[in-house]
C-alpha atoms as a PDB file:
ATOM      1  CA  MET A   1       1.962   2.272   8.000  1.00  0.00           C
ATOM      2  CA  ILE A   2      -0.535   3.944   5.706  1.00  0.00           C
ATOM      3  CA  THR A   3      -3.777   2.093   5.044  1.00  0.00           C
ATOM      4  CA  ILE A   4      -6.289   2.994   2.352  1.00  0.00           C
ATOM      5  CA  LYS A   5      -9.763   1.490   2.250  1.00  0.00           C
ATOM      6  CA  ASN A   6     -12.036   1.588  -0.809  1.00  0.00           C
ATOM      7  CA  ILE A   7     -10.727   4.917  -2.100  1.00  0.00           C
ATOM      8  CA  GLU A   8     -12.803   6.446  -4.886  1.00  0.00           C
ATOM      9  CA  LYS A   9     -12.149   9.612  -6.861  1.00  0.00           C
ATOM     10  CA  GLY A  10     -13.616  10.992 -10.058  1.00  0.00           C
ATOM     11  CA  PHE A  11     -13.653  14.192 -12.098  1.00  0.00           C
ATOM     12  CA  ASP A  12     -16.583  15.527 -14.118  1.00  0.00           C
ATOM     13  CA  GLY A  13     -18.486  12.298 -13.575  1.00  0.00           C
ATOM     14  CA  ARG A  14     -15.596  10.143 -14.782  1.00  0.00           C
ATOM     15  CA  PRO A  15     -14.158   7.682 -12.213  1.00  0.00           C
ATOM     16  CA  VAL A  16     -10.363   7.827 -11.901  1.00  0.00           C
ATOM     17  CA  ILE A  17      -9.870   5.760  -8.732  1.00  0.00           C
ATOM     18  CA  ASP A  18     -12.343   2.936  -8.126  1.00  0.00           C
ATOM     19  CA  LYS A  19     -12.506   1.277  -4.683  1.00  0.00           C
ATOM     20  CA  VAL A  20      -8.754   0.865  -4.196  1.00  0.00           C
ATOM     21  CA  SER A  21      -7.566  -0.660  -0.927  1.00  0.00           C
ATOM     22  CA  ALA A  22      -3.929  -1.255   0.056  1.00  0.00           C
ATOM     23  CA  GLU A  23      -1.355  -1.044   2.826  1.00  0.00           C
ATOM     24  CA  PHE A  24       1.946   0.850   2.558  1.00  0.00           C
ATOM     25  CA  GLU A  25       4.329  -0.664   5.067  1.00  0.00           C
ATOM     26  CA  THR A  26       6.760   1.134   7.382  1.00  0.00           C
ATOM     27  CA  GLY A  27      10.463   0.682   6.679  1.00  0.00           C
ATOM     28  CA  LYS A  28       9.803  -0.420   3.113  1.00  0.00           C
ATOM     29  CA  CYS A  29       9.714   1.154  -0.341  1.00  0.00           C
ATOM     30  CA  ASN A  30       6.105   0.910  -1.507  1.00  0.00           C
ATOM     31  CA  LEU A  31       5.839   1.504  -5.256  1.00  0.00           C
ATOM     32  CA  ILE A  32       2.760   2.555  -7.211  1.00  0.00           C
ATOM     33  CA  ILE A  33       3.141   1.704 -10.893  1.00  0.00           C
ATOM     34  CA  GLY A  34       0.922   1.848 -13.951  1.00  0.00           C
ATOM     35  CA  ALA A  35       0.564   3.410 -17.370  1.00  0.00           C
ATOM     36  CA  SER A  36      -0.305   7.072 -17.870  1.00  0.00           C
ATOM     37  CA  GLY A  37      -3.955   7.552 -16.951  1.00  0.00           C
ATOM     38  CA  SER A  38      -4.035   4.557 -14.636  1.00  0.00           C
ATOM     39  CA  GLY A  39      -4.797   6.732 -11.606  1.00  0.00           C
ATOM     40  CA  LYS A  40      -1.523   6.394  -9.726  1.00  0.00           C
ATOM     41  CA  THR A  41      -0.811  10.146  -9.575  1.00  0.00           C
ATOM     42  CA  VAL A  42      -4.326  10.924  -8.372  1.00  0.00           C
ATOM     43  CA  LEU A  43      -3.973   8.205  -5.741  1.00  0.00           C
ATOM     44  CA  MET A  44      -0.740   9.726  -4.449  1.00  0.00           C
ATOM     45  CA  LYS A  45      -2.327  13.189  -4.313  1.00  0.00           C
ATOM     46  CA  CYS A  46      -5.142  11.704  -2.247  1.00  0.00           C
ATOM     47  CA  LEU A  47      -2.597  10.145   0.102  1.00  0.00           C
ATOM     48  CA  VAL A  48      -0.838  13.435   0.830  1.00  0.00           C
ATOM     49  CA  GLY A  49      -4.039  15.466   1.094  1.00  0.00           C
ATOM     50  CA  LEU A  50      -3.725  17.475  -2.115  1.00  0.00           C
ATOM     51  CA  ILE A  51      -6.982  15.917  -3.325  1.00  0.00           C
ATOM     52  CA  THR A  52      -9.932  14.815  -1.188  1.00  0.00           C
ATOM     53  CA  PRO A  53     -11.304  11.365  -2.118  1.00  0.00           C
ATOM     54  CA  ASP A  54     -14.997  11.101  -2.964  1.00  0.00           C
ATOM     55  CA  ALA A  55     -15.289   8.007  -0.782  1.00  0.00           C
ATOM     56  CA  GLY A  56     -13.137   5.677   1.296  1.00  0.00           C
ATOM     57  CA  GLU A  57     -10.678   6.188   4.108  1.00  0.00           C
ATOM     58  CA  ILE A  58      -6.969   6.951   4.498  1.00  0.00           C
ATOM     59  CA  GLU A  59      -5.325   6.073   7.807  1.00  0.00           C
ATOM     60  CA  TYR A  60      -1.885   7.084   8.994  1.00  0.00           C
ATOM     61  CA  ASP A  61      -0.859   4.536  11.624  1.00  0.00           C
ATOM     62  CA  GLY A  62      -4.490   3.888  12.465  1.00  0.00           C
ATOM     63  CA  VAL A  63      -5.580   7.545  12.559  1.00  0.00           C
ATOM     64  CA  SER A  64      -8.100   8.673   9.936  1.00  0.00           C
ATOM     65  CA  PHE A  65      -6.648  11.481   7.818  1.00  0.00           C
ATOM     66  CA  GLY A  66     -10.088  12.575   6.620  1.00  0.00           C
ATOM     67  CA  ASN A  67     -11.405  13.084  10.154  1.00  0.00           C
ATOM     68  CA  MET A  68      -8.535  15.268  11.350  1.00  0.00           C
ATOM     69  CA  ASP A  69      -9.231  18.887  12.220  1.00  0.00           C
ATOM     70  CA  ALA A  70      -7.139  21.698  10.743  1.00  0.00           C
ATOM     71  CA  ASP A  71      -4.558  21.710  13.556  1.00  0.00           C
ATOM     72  CA  SER A  72      -4.140  17.926  13.445  1.00  0.00           C
ATOM     73  CA  ARG A  73      -3.701  18.033   9.671  1.00  0.00           C
ATOM     74  CA  LYS A  74      -1.006  20.678   9.993  1.00  0.00           C
ATOM     75  CA  ILE A  75       0.854  18.493  12.479  1.00  0.00           C
ATOM     76  CA  MET A  76       0.456  15.485  10.185  1.00  0.00           C
ATOM     77  CA  ARG A  77       1.774  17.403   7.188  1.00  0.00           C
ATOM     78  CA  SER A  78       4.908  18.243   9.177  1.00  0.00           C
ATOM     79  CA  LYS A  79       5.491  14.478   9.368  1.00  0.00           C
ATOM     80  CA  ILE A  80       5.298  14.112   5.584  1.00  0.00           C
ATOM     81  CA  GLY A  81       8.238  14.602   3.237  1.00  0.00           C
ATOM     82  CA  MET A  82       7.670  15.058  -0.501  1.00  0.00           C
ATOM     83  CA  LEU A  83      10.084  14.666  -3.406  1.00  0.00           C
ATOM     84  CA  PHE A  84       8.467  16.242  -6.462  1.00  0.00           C
ATOM     85  CA  GLN A  85       8.995  15.008 -10.006  1.00  0.00           C
ATOM     86  CA  GLY A  86      10.887  18.105 -11.101  1.00  0.00           C
ATOM     87  CA  SER A  87      12.528  18.551  -7.683  1.00  0.00           C
ATOM     88  CA  ALA A  88      10.579  21.860  -7.352  1.00  0.00           C
ATOM     89  CA  LEU A  89      13.547  23.824  -6.025  1.00  0.00           C
ATOM     90  CA  PHE A  90      13.357  27.603  -5.745  1.00  0.00           C
ATOM     91  CA  ASP A  91      15.660  28.934  -8.474  1.00  0.00           C
ATOM     92  CA  SER A  92      16.389  32.158  -6.606  1.00  0.00           C
ATOM     93  CA  MET A  93      17.535  30.307  -3.478  1.00  0.00           C
ATOM     94  CA  THR A  94      20.761  28.464  -2.850  1.00  0.00           C
ATOM     95  CA  VAL A  95      20.762  24.760  -2.013  1.00  0.00           C
ATOM     96  CA  GLU A  96      21.114  25.674   1.649  1.00  0.00           C
ATOM     97  CA  GLN A  97      18.214  28.132   1.538  1.00  0.00           C
ATOM     98  CA  ASN A  98      15.971  25.611  -0.230  1.00  0.00           C
ATOM     99  CA  ILE A  99      16.490  23.130   2.592  1.00  0.00           C
ATOM    100  CA  LEU A 100      16.062  25.783   5.278  1.00  0.00           C
ATOM    101  CA  PHE A 101      12.651  26.697   3.872  1.00  0.00           C
ATOM    102  CA  PRO A 102      10.601  23.900   5.537  1.00  0.00           C
ATOM    103  CA  LEU A 103      12.547  24.373   8.770  1.00  0.00           C
ATOM    104  CA  ASP A 104      11.579  28.053   8.795  1.00  0.00           C
ATOM    105  CA  MET A 105       7.975  27.125   7.979  1.00  0.00           C
ATOM    106  CA  PHE A 106       7.420  24.406  10.563  1.00  0.00           C
ATOM    107  CA  THR A 107      10.012  24.762  13.354  1.00  0.00           C
ATOM    108  CA  LYS A 108      11.017  27.380  15.902  1.00  0.00           C
ATOM    109  CA  GLY A 109      14.622  26.342  16.434  1.00  0.00           C
ATOM    110  CA  THR A 110      17.539  28.743  16.485  1.00  0.00           C
ATOM    111  CA  ARG A 111      19.416  29.569  13.308  1.00  0.00           C
ATOM    112  CA  ALA A 112      22.344  27.485  14.560  1.00  0.00           C
ATOM    113  CA  GLU A 113      20.082  24.473  15.170  1.00  0.00           C
ATOM    114  CA  LYS A 114      18.549  24.787  11.728  1.00  0.00           C
ATOM    115  CA  GLN A 115      21.956  25.152  10.107  1.00  0.00           C
ATOM    116  CA  LYS A 116      23.161  22.026  11.867  1.00  0.00           C
ATOM    117  CA  ARG A 117      20.201  20.088  10.489  1.00  0.00           C
ATOM    118  CA  VAL A 118      20.835  21.392   6.969  1.00  0.00           C
ATOM    119  CA  ASP A 119      24.453  20.271   7.229  1.00  0.00           C
ATOM    120  CA  GLU A 120      23.332  16.821   8.412  1.00  0.00           C
ATOM    121  CA  VAL A 121      20.931  16.141   5.549  1.00  0.00           C
ATOM    122  CA  LEU A 122      23.276  17.495   2.872  1.00  0.00           C
ATOM    123  CA  ASP A 123      25.972  15.219   4.210  1.00  0.00           C
ATOM    124  CA  ARG A 124      23.475  12.330   4.148  1.00  0.00           C
ATOM    125  CA  VAL A 125      22.866  12.803   0.412  1.00  0.00           C
ATOM    126  CA  ASN A 126      26.580  13.365  -0.302  1.00  0.00           C
ATOM    127  CA  LEU A 127      26.278  17.074  -1.099  1.00  0.00           C
ATOM    128  CA  SER A 128      28.236  18.545   1.768  1.00  0.00           C
ATOM    129  CA  GLN A 129      30.030  21.009  -0.551  1.00  0.00           C
ATOM    130  CA  ALA A 130      26.934  22.318  -2.342  1.00  0.00           C
ATOM    131  CA  HIS A 131      25.499  24.713   0.273  1.00  0.00           C
ATOM    132  CA  LYS A 132      26.018  27.941  -1.653  1.00  0.00           C
ATOM    133  CA  LYS A 133      25.265  26.691  -5.155  1.00  0.00           C
ATOM    134  CA  TYR A 134      22.085  27.630  -6.991  1.00  0.00           C
ATOM    135  CA  PRO A 135      19.878  25.021  -8.750  1.00  0.00           C
ATOM    136  CA  ALA A 136      21.054  26.254 -12.153  1.00  0.00           C
ATOM    137  CA  GLU A 137      24.630  25.409 -11.153  1.00  0.00           C
ATOM    138  CA  ILE A 138      24.067  21.734 -10.336  1.00  0.00           C
ATOM    139  CA  SER A 139      23.188  18.622 -12.348  1.00  0.00           C
ATOM    140  CA  GLY A 140      19.804  16.911 -12.545  1.00  0.00           C
ATOM    141  CA  GLY A 141      20.959  14.137 -10.235  1.00  0.00           C
ATOM    142  CA  MET A 142      22.213  16.657  -7.692  1.00  0.00           C
ATOM    143  CA  LYS A 143      18.873  18.492  -7.832  1.00  0.00           C
ATOM    144  CA  LYS A 144      17.118  15.230  -6.998  1.00  0.00           C
ATOM    145  CA  ARG A 145      19.432  14.729  -4.029  1.00  0.00           C
ATOM    146  CA  VAL A 146      18.746  18.280  -2.841  1.00  0.00           C
ATOM    147  CA  GLY A 147      15.043  17.476  -3.181  1.00  0.00           C
ATOM    148  CA  ILE A 148      15.526  14.371  -1.039  1.00  0.00           C
ATOM    149  CA  ALA A 149      17.488  16.367   1.550  1.00  0.00           C
ATOM    150  CA  ARG A 150      14.672  18.918   1.751  1.00  0.00           C
ATOM    151  CA  ALA A 151      12.090  16.129   1.990  1.00  0.00           C
ATOM    152  CA  ILE A 152      13.786  14.529   5.012  1.00  0.00           C
ATOM    153  CA  VAL A 153      14.974  17.669   6.816  1.00  0.00           C
ATOM    154  CA  LEU A 154      11.972  17.599   9.186  1.00  0.00           C
ATOM    155  CA  ASN A 155      12.599  13.945  10.079  1.00  0.00           C
ATOM    156  CA  PRO A 156       9.387  12.770   8.415  1.00  0.00           C
ATOM    157  CA  GLN A 157       7.636   9.542   9.264  1.00  0.00           C
ATOM    158  CA  TYR A 158       6.262   9.333   5.726  1.00  0.00           C
ATOM    159  CA  LEU A 159       8.104  10.024   2.474  1.00  0.00           C
ATOM    160  CA  PHE A 160       6.406  10.418  -0.919  1.00  0.00           C
ATOM    161  CA  CYS A 161       8.421  10.424  -4.140  1.00  0.00           C
ATOM    162  CA  ASP A 162       6.788  11.341  -7.447  1.00  0.00           C
ATOM    163  CA  GLU A 163       8.770   9.923 -10.387  1.00  0.00           C
ATOM    164  CA  PRO A 164      12.142  10.387  -8.623  1.00  0.00           C
ATOM    165  CA  ASN A 165      14.119   9.161 -11.659  1.00  0.00           C
ATOM    166  CA  SER A 166      12.366  11.264 -14.268  1.00  0.00           C
ATOM    167  CA  GLY A 167      14.901  12.758 -16.682  1.00  0.00           C
ATOM    168  CA  LEU A 168      17.895  10.955 -15.196  1.00  0.00           C
ATOM    169  CA  ASP A 169      20.352   8.590 -16.883  1.00  0.00           C
ATOM    170  CA  PRO A 170      20.348   4.925 -15.745  1.00  0.00           C
ATOM    171  CA  GLN A 171      23.414   5.203 -13.521  1.00  0.00           C
ATOM    172  CA  THR A 172      22.148   8.322 -11.722  1.00  0.00           C
ATOM    173  CA  SER A 173      18.725   6.699 -11.374  1.00  0.00           C
ATOM    174  CA  LEU A 174      20.359   3.789  -9.600  1.00  0.00           C
ATOM    175  CA  VAL A 175      22.072   6.192  -7.188  1.00  0.00           C
ATOM    176  CA  ILE A 176      18.745   7.870  -6.386  1.00  0.00           C
ATOM    177  CA  ASP A 177      16.985   4.507  -5.939  1.00  0.00           C
ATOM    178  CA  ARG A 178      19.604   3.278  -3.511  1.00  0.00           C
ATOM    179  CA  LEU A 179      19.576   6.548  -1.594  1.00  0.00           C
ATOM    180  CA  ILE A 180      15.792   6.377  -1.183  1.00  0.00           C
ATOM    181  CA  LYS A 181      16.076   2.753  -0.062  1.00  0.00           C
ATOM    182  CA  GLU A 182      18.831   3.525   2.452  1.00  0.00           C
ATOM    183  CA  ILE A 183      16.936   6.469   3.937  1.00  0.00           C
ATOM    184  CA  THR A 184      13.763   4.385   4.191  1.00  0.00           C
ATOM    185  CA  THR A 185      15.569   1.594   6.031  1.00  0.00           C
ATOM    186  CA  ASP A 186      17.863   3.729   8.179  1.00  0.00           C
ATOM    187  CA  TYR A 187      15.090   6.025   9.439  1.00  0.00           C
ATOM    188  CA  ASN A 188      12.271   3.418   9.340  1.00  0.00           C
ATOM    189  CA  ILE A 189      10.122   5.645   7.124  1.00  0.00           C
ATOM    190  CA  THR A 190       6.936   4.672   5.293  1.00  0.00           C
ATOM    191  CA  THR A 191       8.011   5.463   1.731  1.00  0.00           C
ATOM    192  CA  VAL A 192       5.627   5.600  -1.231  1.00  0.00           C
ATOM    193  CA  VAL A 193       7.125   5.965  -4.717  1.00  0.00           C
ATOM    194  CA  ASN A 194       5.141   6.744  -7.859  1.00  0.00           C
ATOM    195  CA  THR A 195       7.229   5.537 -10.808  1.00  0.00           C
ATOM    196  CA  HIS A 196       7.381   4.437 -14.435  1.00  0.00           C
ATOM    197  CA  ASP A 197      10.958   3.174 -14.001  1.00  0.00           C
ATOM    198  CA  MET A 198      11.067  -0.615 -14.189  1.00  0.00           C
ATOM    199  CA  ASN A 199      14.639  -0.617 -12.889  1.00  0.00           C
ATOM    200  CA  SER A 200      13.258   0.943  -9.702  1.00  0.00           C
ATOM    201  CA  VAL A 201      10.629  -1.772  -9.507  1.00  0.00           C
ATOM    202  CA  MET A 202      13.249  -4.508  -9.548  1.00  0.00           C
ATOM    203  CA  GLU A 203      15.809  -2.607  -7.442  1.00  0.00           C
ATOM    204  CA  ILE A 204      13.763  -1.254  -4.523  1.00  0.00           C
ATOM    205  CA  GLY A 205      10.203  -2.598  -4.901  1.00  0.00           C
ATOM    206  CA  ASP A 206       9.601  -4.067  -1.452  1.00  0.00           C
ATOM    207  CA  ARG A 207       5.870  -3.724  -2.082  1.00  0.00           C
ATOM    208  CA  ILE A 208       4.348  -2.949  -5.480  1.00  0.00           C
ATOM    209  CA  LEU A 209       0.829  -1.789  -6.324  1.00  0.00           C
ATOM    210  CA  TYR A 210      -0.006  -2.000 -10.029  1.00  0.00           C
ATOM    211  CA  MET A 211      -2.859   0.249 -11.144  1.00  0.00           C
ATOM    212  CA  PHE A 212      -4.901  -0.317 -14.302  1.00  0.00           C
ATOM    213  CA  GLU A 213      -7.673   2.089 -15.317  1.00  0.00           C
ATOM    214  CA  GLY A 214      -8.270   3.162 -11.735  1.00  0.00           C
ATOM    215  CA  HIS A 215      -8.338  -0.331 -10.263  1.00  0.00           C
ATOM    216  CA  LYS A 216      -5.808  -2.228  -8.181  1.00  0.00           C
ATOM    217  CA  GLU A 217      -4.819  -4.842 -10.718  1.00  0.00           C
ATOM    218  CA  TRP A 218      -1.981  -6.581  -8.849  1.00  0.00           C
ATOM    219  CA  GLU A 219      -0.051  -6.337  -5.593  1.00  0.00           C
ATOM    220  CA  GLY A 220       3.159  -8.042  -4.513  1.00  0.00           C
ATOM    221  CA  THR A 221       6.955  -7.754  -4.252  1.00  0.00           C
ATOM    222  CA  ASN A 222       9.745  -7.328  -6.803  1.00  0.00           C
ATOM    223  CA  LYS A 223      10.539 -11.027  -6.378  1.00  0.00           C
ATOM    224  CA  GLU A 224       6.945 -12.120  -6.942  1.00  0.00           C
ATOM    225  CA  ILE A 225       6.521  -9.946 -10.017  1.00  0.00           C
ATOM    226  CA  ILE A 226       8.788 -12.238 -12.048  1.00  0.00           C
ATOM    227  CA  PHE A 227       6.339 -15.094 -11.574  1.00  0.00           C
ATOM    228  CA  SER A 228       3.133 -13.117 -12.044  1.00  0.00           C
ATOM    229  CA  LYS A 229       0.598 -14.636 -14.410  1.00  0.00           C
ATOM    230  CA  ASN A 230      -1.329 -11.365 -14.719  1.00  0.00           C
ATOM    231  CA  ASP A 231      -1.277 -10.584 -18.445  1.00  0.00           C
ATOM    232  CA  ARG A 232      -1.845  -6.851 -18.027  1.00  0.00           C
ATOM    233  CA  LEU A 233       1.002  -6.571 -15.552  1.00  0.00           C
ATOM    234  CA  ASN A 234       3.340  -8.635 -17.702  1.00  0.00           C
ATOM    235  CA  ASN A 235       2.540  -6.574 -20.800  1.00  0.00           C
ATOM    236  CA  PHE A 236       3.319  -3.410 -18.825  1.00  0.00           C
ATOM    237  CA  ILE A 237       6.504  -4.590 -17.103  1.00  0.00           C
ATOM    238  CA  PHE A 238       7.934  -6.702 -19.907  1.00  0.00           C
ATOM    239  CA  ALA A 239       6.829  -4.563 -22.822  1.00  0.00           C
ATOM    240  CA  SER A 240       9.534  -5.605 -25.315  1.00  0.00           C
ATOM    241  CA  GLU A 241      10.234  -9.081 -26.688  1.00  0.00           C
ATOM    242  CA  PHE A 242      13.733  -8.849 -25.211  1.00  0.00           C
ATOM    243  CA  LEU A 243      12.364  -8.324 -21.694  1.00  0.00           C
ATOM    244  CA  LYS A 244       9.784 -11.075 -22.153  1.00  0.00           C
ATOM    245  CA  ASP A 245      12.555 -13.471 -23.156  1.00  0.00           C
ATOM    246  CA  ALA A 246      14.626 -12.331 -20.161  1.00  0.00           C
ATOM    247  CA  LYS A 247      11.688 -13.031 -17.847  1.00  0.00           C
ATOM    248  CA  ASP A 248      11.214 -16.522 -19.309  1.00  0.00           C
ATOM    249  CA  MET A 249      14.916 -17.212 -18.910  1.00  0.00           C
ATOM    250  CA  ARG A 250      14.876 -16.018 -15.303  1.00  0.00           C
ATOM    251  CA  MET A 251      11.891 -18.223 -14.479  1.00  0.00           C
ATOM    252  CA  LEU A 252      13.665 -21.236 -15.927  1.00  0.00           C
ATOM    253  CA  GLU A 253      16.792 -20.428 -13.916  1.00  0.00           C
ATOM    254  CA  VAL A 254      14.874 -20.118 -10.654  1.00  0.00           C
ATOM    255  CA  SER A 255      12.940 -23.331 -11.313  1.00  0.00           C
ATOM    256  CA  GLY A 256      16.238 -25.168 -11.857  1.00  0.00           C
ATOM    257  CA  LYS A 257      15.587 -26.044 -15.475  1.00  0.00           C
ATOM    258  CA  ILE A 258      18.692 -24.108 -16.502  1.00  0.00           C
ATOM    259  CA  ASP A 259      22.064 -24.680 -14.911  1.00  0.00           C
ATOM    260  CA  ASN A 260      23.578 -21.273 -14.107  1.00  0.00           C
ATOM    261  CA  ASN A 261      26.989 -22.893 -13.728  1.00  0.00           C
ATOM    262  CA  ARG A 262      26.931 -24.704 -17.046  1.00  0.00           C
ATOM    263  CA  ASN A 263      30.139 -24.695 -19.092  1.00  0.00           C
ATOM    264  CA  MET A 264      29.910 -21.944 -21.698  1.00  0.00           C
ATOM    265  CA  ASP A 265      32.880 -23.189 -23.773  1.00  0.00           C
END
C-alpha cells in the first residue's frame, strides 16, 4: 500500500497540489483521473520520486519515502515499475534488449538467468515471438505490451502507468486494461494508473481518485461512481448528453425502476 498525507506542490508560487491525502491499495488498480491541469501528473511524479513535494508525506508500506537515504531510495526504485505514456522504448534496441536494460541496471544475474526472465515476461504479455523486432516494426498496442513487460521484469511491488491507453483504439485499450488488471491481481502489486480514459475507469477502477484544480474532489470505486452526486465529477465523467442519459438509465435499472427483462416486442 502507498499512503500519501497532505501532499503539497507548487511551481513559481502557484499551487498545483494542495493538501492531497489518499491510500493506494495493494492488489488493486488505483486510478487517478482529472482534466488537464488538475494536478494528477504532478501527483504521480511525486509518488515515484521524480518530483519532491513541498510538504506532506509519502509512505510505501509504512516507510517514509522522503526520509530514505540514497541507498534505501535506490533499493525502493528497484521495486517500482513504470509504464510511460509513449512507452519510452529505445528505438535502437530490439524488444529483447529493451527489457534486458533494467535487468542489466539493477541485477547481477547471469546472462542465462536474465534471458529466462525476459522470456517469461514476454510470454506473460503474449509477445513470445517478438524478441528480435525493433520498436519501429511493431504496432502501438504491442509497444505498450513491451512497456508493460519491461515495467514488471524486476518483479516490482509497485506499478505506475501513465496514460497507458494513449493513442490506442478502443479494442486495444481494452486489451491493455485487462492485462494491467490481471498482472495487478496475479502478482498482488500496488498499481497506480493516471488516465483520461473513461472506459478504463469503468473497466478496472478498483479505487478512483478524482482531482480538480489540485484538490482531491472525490474518491471511490467504479461501482460507486455511477451514483455520485458530485457535479464536477459527473460533468467530467459523463461529459456528453448521451453519457448523462446512459447514467440516468443505469441508475434506474439498479434501483429497480426499470425492468431489464421487459418484453421489447
